[in-house]
Protein backbone atom coordinates (compact mmCIF):
# COMPACT_ATOMS: atom_id res chain seq x y z
CA MET A 1 81.78 121.83 97.36
CA LEU A 2 83.84 122.46 94.24
CA MET A 3 83.38 125.91 92.72
CA LYS A 4 81.39 126.08 89.49
CA GLY A 5 83.43 125.03 86.47
CA ILE A 6 85.74 122.62 88.34
CA THR A 7 84.94 118.99 87.50
CA LEU A 8 86.70 115.69 87.94
CA ARG A 9 86.84 115.35 84.16
CA GLY A 10 88.49 118.75 83.97
CA LEU A 11 91.09 117.72 86.54
CA GLU A 12 91.81 114.50 84.62
CA VAL A 13 92.23 116.45 81.39
CA PHE A 14 94.53 118.96 83.11
CA GLU A 15 96.66 116.12 84.51
CA ALA A 16 96.89 114.45 81.09
CA LEU A 17 97.76 117.72 79.36
CA ALA A 18 100.42 118.52 81.98
CA GLU A 19 102.01 115.09 81.44
CA THR A 20 101.95 115.15 77.64
CA GLY A 21 102.16 118.86 76.75
CA SER A 22 99.94 118.15 73.77
CA VAL A 23 96.19 118.51 73.23
CA ALA A 24 96.28 115.61 70.75
CA ARG A 25 98.03 113.26 73.17
CA ALA A 26 95.82 114.36 76.06
CA ALA A 27 92.80 113.58 73.87
CA ASP A 28 94.15 110.06 73.23
CA THR A 29 94.76 109.56 76.96
CA THR A 30 91.31 110.74 78.08
CA GLY A 31 89.25 109.48 75.15
CA LEU A 32 87.93 112.95 74.37
CA SER A 33 88.08 114.94 71.17
CA GLN A 34 90.72 117.67 70.89
CA PRO A 35 88.11 120.47 71.01
CA ALA A 36 86.64 118.88 74.15
CA VAL A 37 90.08 118.80 75.79
CA SER A 38 90.62 122.48 74.99
CA GLN A 39 87.18 123.37 76.35
CA GLN A 40 87.77 121.46 79.61
CA ILE A 41 91.00 123.40 80.17
CA ARG A 42 89.35 126.73 79.36
CA ASN A 43 86.55 125.96 81.83
CA LEU A 44 89.03 125.04 84.55
CA GLU A 45 91.20 128.12 84.04
CA THR A 46 88.12 130.36 83.96
CA ALA A 47 86.82 128.85 87.19
CA LEU A 48 90.18 129.32 88.92
CA GLY A 49 90.74 132.76 87.44
CA THR A 50 94.30 132.03 86.35
CA ASP A 51 96.28 130.40 83.53
CA LEU A 52 97.48 126.89 84.39
CA LEU A 53 99.31 126.34 81.10
CA ASP A 54 101.42 128.50 78.81
CA HIS A 55 99.42 127.89 75.63
CA GLY A 56 101.95 129.74 73.49
CA LYS A 57 104.69 127.14 73.93
CA ARG A 58 105.01 123.76 72.24
CA PRO A 59 104.94 121.44 74.03
CA MET A 60 102.68 123.27 76.45
CA GLN A 61 104.28 124.04 79.80
CA LEU A 62 102.79 124.61 83.21
CA THR A 63 102.77 128.09 84.68
CA PRO A 64 103.92 128.48 88.30
CA ALA A 65 100.25 128.45 89.33
CA GLY A 66 99.74 125.34 87.20
CA ARG A 67 102.58 123.48 88.90
CA ALA A 68 101.21 124.29 92.33
CA TYR A 69 97.68 123.29 91.38
CA LEU A 70 98.79 120.06 89.70
CA ALA A 71 100.52 118.87 92.87
CA ARG A 72 97.22 119.10 94.72
CA ALA A 73 95.01 117.87 91.89
CA ALA A 74 97.20 114.82 91.22
CA GLY A 75 96.98 113.84 94.88
CA VAL A 76 93.18 114.11 94.82
CA LEU A 77 92.92 112.02 91.66
CA ALA A 78 95.28 109.38 93.06
CA GLN A 79 93.13 109.06 96.18
CA LEU A 80 89.96 108.72 94.12
CA ARG A 81 91.52 106.06 91.90
CA LEU A 82 92.70 104.14 94.95
CA ALA A 83 89.24 104.31 96.49
CA GLN A 84 87.74 103.05 93.24
CA SER A 85 90.14 100.11 93.10
CA GLU A 86 89.44 99.22 96.72
CA LEU A 87 85.70 99.16 96.01
CA SER A 88 86.26 96.72 93.16
CA VAL A 89 85.91 93.25 94.64
CA MET A 90 88.36 90.70 93.33
CA ASP A 91 86.80 87.27 93.25
CA LEU A 92 89.37 85.06 94.94
CA THR A 93 86.90 82.73 96.62
CA HIS A 94 87.71 79.95 94.16
CA LEU A 95 91.40 79.88 95.13
CA THR A 96 92.78 77.18 97.39
CA GLN A 97 96.32 78.56 97.41
CA LEU A 98 98.19 81.65 96.24
CA GLY A 99 101.93 82.23 96.30
CA MET A 100 103.26 85.71 95.62
CA GLY A 101 106.65 87.40 95.61
CA VAL A 102 107.30 91.14 95.93
CA ILE A 103 110.57 93.07 95.61
CA ASP A 104 111.98 94.70 98.74
CA ASP A 105 111.25 98.21 97.41
CA PHE A 106 107.56 97.74 98.30
CA ASP A 107 108.11 96.21 101.72
CA ASN A 108 107.48 99.31 103.83
CA ASP A 109 104.01 100.54 102.84
CA LEU A 110 102.68 99.02 99.66
CA THR A 111 102.96 95.31 100.45
CA PRO A 112 100.94 95.43 103.69
CA ARG A 113 98.20 97.40 101.91
CA LEU A 114 98.15 94.91 99.04
CA VAL A 115 98.05 91.89 101.36
CA THR A 116 95.17 93.45 103.31
CA ARG A 117 93.30 93.99 100.05
CA LEU A 118 93.87 90.39 98.96
CA ALA A 119 92.95 88.97 102.36
CA GLU A 120 89.57 90.69 102.21
CA SER A 121 88.78 88.72 99.06
CA MET A 122 90.14 85.33 100.10
CA SER A 123 88.39 82.73 102.22
CA GLY A 124 89.80 79.28 102.81
CA CYS A 125 92.86 80.10 100.70
CA ARG A 126 96.38 79.26 101.77
CA PHE A 127 98.43 82.39 101.08
CA ARG A 128 102.22 82.65 100.97
CA LEU A 129 104.14 85.89 100.49
CA ILE A 130 107.89 86.35 100.11
CA THR A 131 110.11 89.38 99.54
CA ALA A 132 113.15 88.81 97.38
CA PRO A 133 115.31 90.39 94.64
CA SER A 134 113.84 90.70 91.15
CA HIS A 135 115.84 87.87 89.59
CA GLU A 136 114.72 85.41 92.27
CA ILE A 137 111.05 86.37 91.93
CA THR A 138 110.87 86.01 88.14
CA ARG A 139 112.75 82.70 88.33
CA ALA A 140 110.26 81.41 90.93
CA VAL A 141 107.25 82.46 88.82
CA GLN A 142 108.72 80.77 85.75
CA ALA A 143 109.38 77.59 87.73
CA GLY A 144 105.84 77.56 89.10
CA ASP A 145 106.98 78.07 92.70
CA LEU A 146 105.04 81.35 92.82
CA HIS A 147 101.79 82.21 91.09
CA LEU A 148 102.39 85.99 91.00
CA GLY A 149 105.48 88.16 91.32
CA VAL A 150 106.21 91.89 91.39
CA SER A 151 109.71 92.73 90.20
CA ALA A 152 111.80 94.82 87.86
CA SER A 153 111.47 93.77 84.24
CA THR A 154 114.39 92.42 82.25
CA GLY A 155 112.78 93.78 79.08
CA GLU A 156 112.69 90.29 77.61
CA ALA A 157 109.79 87.85 77.27
CA ILE A 158 109.87 85.02 79.82
CA GLN A 159 108.64 81.63 78.66
CA ASN A 160 105.29 80.56 80.17
CA VAL A 161 104.97 83.88 82.02
CA THR A 162 102.70 86.87 81.28
CA GLU A 163 103.93 90.39 82.14
CA TYR A 164 101.68 93.24 83.26
CA ARG A 165 103.56 96.55 83.32
CA LEU A 166 102.97 98.69 86.41
CA ALA A 167 105.33 101.68 86.60
CA ARG A 168 108.33 103.39 85.06
CA ASP A 169 111.04 103.81 87.70
CA PRO A 170 113.78 106.16 86.40
CA PHE A 171 117.35 106.04 87.57
CA ILE A 172 118.54 109.00 89.63
CA LEU A 173 121.76 109.99 91.37
CA ALA A 174 121.98 109.94 95.19
CA ALA A 175 124.70 112.07 96.80
CA PRO A 176 125.51 113.22 100.34
CA ALA A 177 123.28 116.11 101.40
CA GLY A 178 124.45 119.48 100.05
CA MET A 179 126.49 118.03 97.19
CA THR A 180 125.60 118.40 93.53
CA ALA A 181 125.77 115.38 91.26
CA GLU A 182 128.90 116.73 89.60
CA GLN A 183 130.65 117.38 92.93
CA ALA A 184 129.88 113.85 94.14
CA ILE A 185 131.20 112.23 90.95
CA GLU A 186 134.38 114.31 91.02
CA THR A 187 135.27 113.74 94.69
CA LEU A 188 133.70 110.46 95.83
CA PRO A 189 133.67 106.82 94.65
CA LEU A 190 130.64 105.13 93.12
CA LEU A 191 128.75 102.76 95.42
CA ARG A 192 127.50 99.88 93.28
CA TYR A 193 124.85 97.23 93.86
CA THR A 194 126.23 93.68 93.88
CA GLN A 195 126.39 92.17 90.41
CA GLU A 196 123.93 89.31 91.02
CA GLN A 197 121.17 91.91 91.35
CA LEU A 198 119.20 92.86 88.24
CA ILE A 199 119.42 96.57 89.08
CA ALA A 200 123.23 96.33 89.07
CA ARG A 201 123.29 94.65 85.66
CA GLN A 202 120.95 97.29 84.23
CA ILE A 203 123.17 100.10 85.54
CA GLU A 204 126.39 98.51 84.33
CA SER A 205 124.91 97.86 80.88
CA HIS A 206 123.96 101.53 80.62
CA PHE A 207 127.46 102.59 81.66
CA ALA A 208 128.94 100.31 78.98
CA ARG A 209 126.61 101.63 76.24
CA HIS A 210 127.72 105.19 76.93
CA ASP A 211 131.37 104.42 77.73
CA LEU A 212 131.04 105.67 81.32
CA ARG A 213 133.86 104.42 83.51
CA PHE A 214 134.04 104.59 87.29
CA ALA A 215 136.47 102.88 89.64
CA LYS A 216 135.19 99.66 91.21
CA ARG A 217 135.66 99.90 94.96
CA PHE A 218 132.34 99.14 96.65
CA GLU A 219 129.61 96.60 95.88
CA ILE A 220 126.69 96.65 98.31
CA GLY A 221 124.00 93.97 98.51
CA SER A 222 121.52 95.87 100.67
CA ASN A 223 119.73 98.97 99.39
CA PRO A 224 119.29 100.54 102.87
CA THR A 225 122.99 99.99 103.53
CA LEU A 226 123.91 101.59 100.21
CA ILE A 227 121.79 104.69 100.91
CA SER A 228 123.17 104.80 104.47
CA MET A 229 126.70 104.89 103.09
CA VAL A 230 125.72 107.77 100.79
CA SER A 231 124.28 109.63 103.80
CA ARG A 232 127.62 109.24 105.62
CA GLY A 233 129.55 110.79 102.75
CA ILE A 234 131.30 107.58 101.74
CA GLY A 235 130.22 107.77 98.10
CA TRP A 236 127.46 108.38 95.59
CA ALA A 237 125.08 105.94 93.93
CA VAL A 238 122.85 105.44 90.94
CA THR A 239 119.49 104.24 92.22
CA THR A 240 115.77 104.76 91.54
CA PRO A 241 112.95 106.60 93.33
CA LEU A 242 111.42 103.33 94.55
CA SER A 243 114.73 102.22 96.05
CA TYR A 244 115.40 105.66 97.52
CA LEU A 245 111.93 105.95 99.09
CA ARG A 246 112.45 102.70 100.97
CA ALA A 247 115.41 104.19 102.90
CA GLU A 248 113.33 106.99 104.45
CA ARG A 249 115.37 107.33 107.65
CA PHE A 250 118.37 108.57 105.64
CA HIS A 251 116.55 111.15 103.49
CA GLU A 252 117.63 114.20 105.49
CA ARG A 253 121.28 113.39 104.79
CA VAL A 254 120.92 112.45 101.12
CA SER A 255 120.35 114.67 98.06
CA VAL A 256 118.91 113.21 94.87
CA HIS A 257 119.48 114.64 91.41
CA PRO A 258 118.73 113.90 87.76
CA LEU A 259 121.53 111.92 86.16
CA PRO A 260 124.26 114.17 84.68
CA PHE A 261 124.67 111.62 81.86
CA PRO A 262 122.09 110.00 79.51
CA ALA A 263 118.89 109.13 81.34
CA PHE A 264 117.42 105.64 81.57
CA ALA A 265 114.79 103.80 83.56
CA ARG A 266 113.61 100.38 84.61
CA THR A 267 110.07 98.98 84.39
CA ILE A 268 108.32 97.46 87.39
CA SER A 269 105.92 94.67 86.39
CA LEU A 270 103.59 92.03 87.74
CA TYR A 271 104.38 88.54 86.46
CA ALA A 272 101.97 85.62 86.36
CA GLY A 273 102.27 82.08 85.10
CA THR A 274 100.36 81.72 81.83
CA ASP A 275 97.88 79.34 83.49
CA TRP A 276 96.97 82.31 85.73
CA ALA A 277 96.62 84.79 82.86
CA ASP A 278 92.96 85.67 83.50
CA THR A 279 91.11 88.43 85.32
CA LEU A 280 92.91 87.80 88.63
CA PRO A 281 96.37 89.11 87.67
CA ARG A 282 94.79 92.03 85.81
CA ASP A 283 92.82 92.97 88.92
CA VAL A 284 95.93 92.67 91.09
CA ALA A 285 97.91 94.75 88.59
CA GLN A 286 95.32 97.54 88.64
CA THR A 287 95.26 97.55 92.44
CA LEU A 288 99.06 97.74 92.47
CA ARG A 289 99.05 100.70 90.07
CA SER A 290 96.68 102.58 92.34
CA LEU A 291 98.83 101.86 95.40
CA ILE A 292 102.06 102.81 93.63
CA GLY A 293 100.50 106.05 92.43
CA GLN A 294 99.25 107.05 95.86
CA LEU A 295 101.98 105.77 98.17
CA MET A 296 105.08 106.28 96.04
CA ILE A 297 104.72 108.41 92.92
CA ALA A 298 102.57 111.20 94.41
CA PRO A 299 104.85 111.93 97.41
CA ALA A 300 108.00 111.64 95.28
CA VAL A 301 106.70 114.08 92.66
CA GLU A 302 105.58 116.53 95.34
CA ARG A 303 109.08 116.53 96.80
CA PHE A 304 110.97 116.38 93.50
CA PRO A 305 108.81 117.97 90.75
CA TRP A 306 111.54 117.41 88.14
CA ILE A 307 110.81 113.68 88.26
CA ARG A 308 107.15 113.99 87.23
CA GLU A 309 107.47 112.99 83.58
CA ASP A 310 109.78 110.03 84.24
CA PHE A 311 108.31 108.46 87.40
CA ARG A 312 104.87 107.36 86.27
CA LEU A 313 102.36 104.55 86.02
CA LEU A 314 102.21 102.33 82.94
CA GLU A 315 99.23 100.63 81.34
CA ASP A 316 99.18 97.42 79.33
């Protein structure tokens, strides 16, 4: 039983205020008035007997106790949101076939959970699932070869395709364990993704915008292979949390850091042909957000708190 003064609404307000650092923005996020947001925080801090936020700073910042409590509270809220999404029944009984593509980053944990969720709602439906790079998935959705696709966004509208944003996936630097980002850049070569991949083009475009130049020695087509090479001390890489999380067996030998140059991020989205732009893709998108939050964002933020503001879910 929760102690008196601790409510789910209070936890949601605390999470929103921690993410935004502003009572006004937290009010917009939660749909409450600003006085109500302030009261919810006061009630929570009174119940816990400690300050969770430094109210004297703008934007507001978490106290050490606040950071520790947020890690637990965010996990609880993610579980509740996932449970809520799993109780929502998607009506797929009318479907005779469904083709879906998902990027490799989700292949370990998220895709099996999603497929299980879909299968529970489908009867008599022929279902086809593929994993492929982002550029292949969006091309297949546009051509009508797939009905739905989860991939990185190009940032541009795609003809006859509707985009549902899911998550912001910031770029980070992966270096051999024990090395700082600066040490890796100074002593080791950059390990690049192969240029046909969307992630490679996004990284190279960012380098060009900021006049960042690194020798071209390695281009790697497989994300696990790239992270494996980092773990062996061969080089460093610019990657994202989703890509890094997929290579779990190499984590002990890889350090990740914020970029030591201007930050940037990619958007992960669900794509659907416009003739499918109804409640189905919206339901799938919401289920995906819940899964991403629980299976990927929550454990990443717990391990790397500095990534909290950048690695987050997105709403349409």
